[in-house]
């Protein structure tokens, strides 16, 4: 049940408990108990809403920043990753393979604010050797969800 429950929640965290119990073929109380256990174990870390900011009047710029660092003895990349993810403007930090070590996701109102964060906060950290910033120009799919689904006209064509 656990794996199936997680797969359903990953696609729709707003699904109601009754519907979950029907899909899983168990009592609603069993679903609630399992959810509590998953949260307590840190398997479910949070619930999020995916927003298409382009359809709002709110300006938002998203950047992916590749960061090359010197790992610290005995702590590897964890210590520097923790310093970076503690900045409130940082949305995500990943340890990655390839030419860089960390991938940092950042959201701000302007390109200038992102550039300021990179130059004033990120680049000044002792372990940071170099950065490369990539700006997201348009999102097509995020967290498994297509952002701008094309509407399909399902009306039947009537000809005389």
C-alpha atoms as a PDB file:
ATOM      1  CA  UNK A   1       0.000   0.000   0.000  1.00  0.00           C
ATOM      2  CA  UNK A   2       2.833   2.401   0.888  1.00  0.00           C
ATOM      3  CA  UNK A   3       4.376   2.586  -2.585  1.00  0.00           C
ATOM      4  CA  UNK A   4       1.000   2.988  -4.278  1.00  0.00           C
ATOM      5  CA  UNK A   5      -0.052   5.668  -1.773  1.00  0.00           C
ATOM      6  CA  UNK A   6       3.139   7.654  -2.405  1.00  0.00           C
ATOM      7  CA  UNK A   7       2.689   7.425  -6.186  1.00  0.00           C
ATOM      8  CA  UNK A   8      -0.890   8.755  -5.934  1.00  0.00           C
ATOM      9  CA  UNK A   9       0.094  11.595  -3.578  1.00  0.00           C
ATOM     10  CA  UNK A  10       3.005  12.620  -5.779  1.00  0.00           C
ATOM     11  CA  UNK A  11       0.556  13.233  -8.627  1.00  0.00           C
ATOM     12  CA  UNK A  12      -2.159  14.857  -6.502  1.00  0.00           C
ATOM     13  CA  UNK A  13      -1.448  15.834  -2.904  1.00  0.00           C
ATOM     14  CA  UNK A  14      -4.952  17.294  -2.546  1.00  0.00           C
ATOM     15  CA  UNK A  15      -6.748  13.990  -3.092  1.00  0.00           C
ATOM     16  CA  UNK A  16      -9.238  13.373  -0.341  1.00  0.00           C
ATOM     17  CA  UNK A  17      -8.825  10.546   2.180  1.00  0.00           C
ATOM     18  CA  UNK A  18     -12.054   8.827   1.153  1.00  0.00           C
ATOM     19  CA  UNK A  19     -10.968   8.650  -2.487  1.00  0.00           C
ATOM     20  CA  UNK A  20      -7.525   7.415  -1.399  1.00  0.00           C
ATOM     21  CA  UNK A  21      -9.083   4.627   0.638  1.00  0.00           C
ATOM     22  CA  UNK A  22     -11.203   3.559  -2.344  1.00  0.00           C
ATOM     23  CA  UNK A  23      -8.222   3.591  -4.726  1.00  0.00           C
ATOM     24  CA  UNK A  24      -6.090   1.619  -2.276  1.00  0.00           C
ATOM     25  CA  UNK A  25      -8.862  -0.742  -1.193  1.00  0.00           C
ATOM     26  CA  UNK A  26      -8.383  -0.054   2.517  1.00  0.00           C
ATOM     27  CA  UNK A  27     -10.253   1.750   5.274  1.00  0.00           C
ATOM     28  CA  UNK A  28      -9.926   5.537   5.511  1.00  0.00           C
ATOM     29  CA  UNK A  29      -8.421   5.183   9.009  1.00  0.00           C
ATOM     30  CA  UNK A  30      -5.637   2.972   7.590  1.00  0.00           C
ATOM     31  CA  UNK A  31      -4.803   5.683   5.045  1.00  0.00           C
ATOM     32  CA  UNK A  32      -4.639   8.344   7.761  1.00  0.00           C
ATOM     33  CA  UNK A  33      -2.427   6.141   9.934  1.00  0.00           C
ATOM     34  CA  UNK A  34      -0.070   5.422   7.018  1.00  0.00           C
ATOM     35  CA  UNK A  35       0.150   9.122   6.097  1.00  0.00           C
ATOM     36  CA  UNK A  36       1.040  10.008   9.675  1.00  0.00           C
ATOM     37  CA  UNK A  37       3.757   7.339   9.682  1.00  0.00           C
ATOM     38  CA  UNK A  38       5.167   8.553   6.339  1.00  0.00           C
ATOM     39  CA  UNK A  39       5.318  12.130   7.625  1.00  0.00           C
ATOM     40  CA  UNK A  40       6.875  11.074  10.953  1.00  0.00           C
ATOM     41  CA  UNK A  41       9.547   9.004   9.128  1.00  0.00           C
ATOM     42  CA  UNK A  42      10.409  11.986   6.917  1.00  0.00           C
ATOM     43  CA  UNK A  43       9.380  10.169   3.742  1.00  0.00           C
ATOM     44  CA  UNK A  44       6.697  12.781   3.058  1.00  0.00           C
ATOM     45  CA  UNK A  45       8.565  16.059   3.547  1.00  0.00           C
ATOM     46  CA  UNK A  46       5.864  18.526   2.529  1.00  0.00           C
ATOM     47  CA  UNK A  47       2.931  19.285   0.273  1.00  0.00           C
ATOM     48  CA  UNK A  48       3.284  21.825  -2.527  1.00  0.00           C
ATOM     49  CA  UNK A  49       1.207  23.611  -5.117  1.00  0.00           C
ATOM     50  CA  UNK A  50       2.513  24.057  -8.665  1.00  0.00           C
ATOM     51  CA  UNK A  51       1.728  27.573  -9.922  1.00  0.00           C
ATOM     52  CA  UNK A  52       2.016  28.861 -13.475  1.00  0.00           C
ATOM     53  CA  UNK A  53       3.444  32.295 -12.617  1.00  0.00           C
ATOM     54  CA  UNK A  54       3.273  33.385 -16.263  1.00  0.00           C
ATOM     55  CA  UNK A  55      -0.514  33.587 -15.938  1.00  0.00           C
ATOM     56  CA  UNK A  56      -0.319  35.983 -12.998  1.00  0.00           C
ATOM     57  CA  UNK A  57       0.764  39.596 -12.771  1.00  0.00           C
ATOM     58  CA  UNK A  58       3.525  38.603 -10.367  1.00  0.00           C
ATOM     59  CA  UNK A  59       7.029  38.872 -11.791  1.00  0.00           C
ATOM     60  CA  UNK A  60       9.268  35.905 -11.026  1.00  0.00           C
ATOM     61  CA  UNK A  61      12.602  34.881 -12.471  1.00  0.00           C
ATOM     62  CA  UNK A  62      13.901  31.356 -11.917  1.00  0.00           C
ATOM     63  CA  UNK A  63      17.570  30.475 -12.262  1.00  0.00           C
ATOM     64  CA  UNK A  64      19.499  27.230 -12.141  1.00  0.00           C
ATOM     65  CA  UNK A  65      22.968  27.866 -10.783  1.00  0.00           C
ATOM     66  CA  UNK A  66      25.714  25.297 -11.201  1.00  0.00           C
ATOM     67  CA  UNK A  67      28.226  25.536  -8.369  1.00  0.00           C
ATOM     68  CA  UNK A  68      31.695  24.001  -8.254  1.00  0.00           C
ATOM     69  CA  UNK A  69      32.948  23.635  -4.683  1.00  0.00           C
ATOM     70  CA  UNK A  70      35.801  22.214  -2.669  1.00  0.00           C
ATOM     71  CA  UNK A  71      34.350  19.449  -0.484  1.00  0.00           C
ATOM     72  CA  UNK A  72      35.241  19.737   3.182  1.00  0.00           C
ATOM     73  CA  UNK A  73      37.218  16.993   4.877  1.00  0.00           C
ATOM     74  CA  UNK A  74      34.978  14.547   6.724  1.00  0.00           C
ATOM     75  CA  UNK A  75      31.787  16.306   5.579  1.00  0.00           C
ATOM     76  CA  UNK A  76      32.002  16.144   1.801  1.00  0.00           C
ATOM     77  CA  UNK A  77      29.479  18.450   0.174  1.00  0.00           C
ATOM     78  CA  UNK A  78      26.933  18.416   3.004  1.00  0.00           C
ATOM     79  CA  UNK A  79      28.264  21.417   4.954  1.00  0.00           C
ATOM     80  CA  UNK A  80      28.431  23.774   1.966  1.00  0.00           C
ATOM     81  CA  UNK A  81      25.065  22.524   0.672  1.00  0.00           C
ATOM     82  CA  UNK A  82      23.551  23.299   4.085  1.00  0.00           C
ATOM     83  CA  UNK A  83      24.990  26.832   4.054  1.00  0.00           C
ATOM     84  CA  UNK A  84      23.474  27.392   0.626  1.00  0.00           C
ATOM     85  CA  UNK A  85      20.021  25.897   1.292  1.00  0.00           C
ATOM     86  CA  UNK A  86      19.638  27.996   4.436  1.00  0.00           C
ATOM     87  CA  UNK A  87      19.346  31.176   2.344  1.00  0.00           C
ATOM     88  CA  UNK A  88      15.592  31.925   2.119  1.00  0.00           C
ATOM     89  CA  UNK A  89      15.762  32.764  -1.588  1.00  0.00           C
ATOM     90  CA  UNK A  90      17.097  29.282  -2.440  1.00  0.00           C
ATOM     91  CA  UNK A  91      14.317  26.917  -3.525  1.00  0.00           C
ATOM     92  CA  UNK A  92      16.362  23.728  -4.028  1.00  0.00           C
ATOM     93  CA  UNK A  93      19.907  22.361  -3.806  1.00  0.00           C
ATOM     94  CA  UNK A  94      21.023  19.123  -5.460  1.00  0.00           C
ATOM     95  CA  UNK A  95      24.326  17.243  -5.482  1.00  0.00           C
ATOM     96  CA  UNK A  96      24.934  16.440  -9.151  1.00  0.00           C
ATOM     97  CA  UNK A  97      27.413  14.591 -11.333  1.00  0.00           C
ATOM     98  CA  UNK A  98      29.389  16.206 -14.132  1.00  0.00           C
ATOM     99  CA  UNK A  99      31.485  19.356 -14.313  1.00  0.00           C
ATOM    100  CA  UNK A 100      29.801  20.998 -11.329  1.00  0.00           C
ATOM    101  CA  UNK A 101      28.997  19.683  -7.866  1.00  0.00           C
ATOM    102  CA  UNK A 102      25.769  21.408  -6.815  1.00  0.00           C
ATOM    103  CA  UNK A 103      22.722  22.668  -8.675  1.00  0.00           C
ATOM    104  CA  UNK A 104      20.934  25.515  -6.908  1.00  0.00           C
ATOM    105  CA  UNK A 105      17.441  26.693  -7.868  1.00  0.00           C
ATOM    106  CA  UNK A 106      16.686  30.297  -7.073  1.00  0.00           C
ATOM    107  CA  UNK A 107      13.582  32.478  -7.530  1.00  0.00           C
ATOM    108  CA  UNK A 108      13.592  36.259  -7.396  1.00  0.00           C
ATOM    109  CA  UNK A 109      11.665  39.167  -8.907  1.00  0.00           C
ATOM    110  CA  UNK A 110      14.431  40.300 -11.278  1.00  0.00           C
ATOM    111  CA  UNK A 111      17.562  39.105 -13.048  1.00  0.00           C
ATOM    112  CA  UNK A 112      19.472  41.750 -11.100  1.00  0.00           C
ATOM    113  CA  UNK A 113      18.407  40.229  -7.754  1.00  0.00           C
ATOM    114  CA  UNK A 114      19.597  36.795  -8.876  1.00  0.00           C
ATOM    115  CA  UNK A 115      22.903  38.233 -10.093  1.00  0.00           C
ATOM    116  CA  UNK A 116      23.264  40.010  -6.750  1.00  0.00           C
ATOM    117  CA  UNK A 117      22.649  36.794  -4.819  1.00  0.00           C
ATOM    118  CA  UNK A 118      25.234  34.925  -6.881  1.00  0.00           C
ATOM    119  CA  UNK A 119      27.904  37.629  -6.604  1.00  0.00           C
ATOM    120  CA  UNK A 120      27.265  38.808  -3.015  1.00  0.00           C
ATOM    121  CA  UNK A 121      26.296  35.602  -1.222  1.00  0.00           C
ATOM    122  CA  UNK A 122      27.085  32.474  -3.227  1.00  0.00           C
ATOM    123  CA  UNK A 123      30.413  33.367  -4.826  1.00  0.00           C
ATOM    124  CA  UNK A 124      31.795  34.727  -1.560  1.00  0.00           C
ATOM    125  CA  UNK A 125      31.506  31.395   0.285  1.00  0.00           C
ATOM    126  CA  UNK A 126      34.982  29.952   0.970  1.00  0.00           C
ATOM    127  CA  UNK A 127      34.328  26.551  -0.603  1.00  0.00           C
ATOM    128  CA  UNK A 128      32.816  27.927  -3.836  1.00  0.00           C
ATOM    129  CA  UNK A 129      35.266  27.754  -6.743  1.00  0.00           C
ATOM    130  CA  UNK A 130      32.980  28.841  -9.603  1.00  0.00           C
ATOM    131  CA  UNK A 131      29.361  29.255 -10.681  1.00  0.00           C
ATOM    132  CA  UNK A 132      27.391  29.213 -13.921  1.00  0.00           C
ATOM    133  CA  UNK A 133      23.905  30.734 -13.973  1.00  0.00           C
ATOM    134  CA  UNK A 134      21.140  29.628 -16.348  1.00  0.00           C
ATOM    135  CA  UNK A 135      17.820  31.475 -16.443  1.00  0.00           C
ATOM    136  CA  UNK A 136      14.598  29.587 -17.115  1.00  0.00           C
ATOM    137  CA  UNK A 137      12.873  31.374 -19.964  1.00  0.00           C
ATOM    138  CA  UNK A 138       9.757  29.200 -20.138  1.00  0.00           C
ATOM    139  CA  UNK A 139       8.497  26.135 -18.305  1.00  0.00           C
ATOM    140  CA  UNK A 140       6.860  23.428 -20.378  1.00  0.00           C
ATOM    141  CA  UNK A 141       6.594  20.699 -17.751  1.00  0.00           C
ATOM    142  CA  UNK A 142       7.355  20.810 -14.031  1.00  0.00           C
ATOM    143  CA  UNK A 143       7.032  18.066 -11.404  1.00  0.00           C
ATOM    144  CA  UNK A 144       5.408  15.805 -14.015  1.00  0.00           C
ATOM    145  CA  UNK A 145       2.743  18.379 -14.898  1.00  0.00           C
ATOM    146  CA  UNK A 146       2.436  19.986 -18.332  1.00  0.00           C
ATOM    147  CA  UNK A 147       2.244  23.730 -17.667  1.00  0.00           C
ATOM    148  CA  UNK A 148       0.456  25.087 -20.732  1.00  0.00           C
ATOM    149  CA  UNK A 149      -1.770  22.269 -21.938  1.00  0.00           C
ATOM    150  CA  UNK A 150      -3.211  23.026 -25.308  1.00  0.00           C
ATOM    151  CA  UNK A 151      -6.980  22.984 -25.108  1.00  0.00           C
ATOM    152  CA  UNK A 152      -8.560  20.499 -27.435  1.00  0.00           C
ATOM    153  CA  UNK A 153     -11.897  21.382 -28.966  1.00  0.00           C
ATOM    154  CA  UNK A 154     -13.972  18.255 -28.379  1.00  0.00           C
ATOM    155  CA  UNK A 155     -17.114  19.547 -30.038  1.00  0.00           C
ATOM    156  CA  UNK A 156     -18.376  17.562 -32.969  1.00  0.00           C
ATOM    157  CA  UNK A 157     -18.313  19.197 -36.345  1.00  0.00           C
ATOM    158  CA  UNK A 158     -21.787  19.516 -37.783  1.00  0.00           C
ATOM    159  CA  UNK A 159     -22.074  19.895 -41.518  1.00  0.00           C
ATOM    160  CA  UNK A 160     -25.301  20.660 -43.378  1.00  0.00           C
END
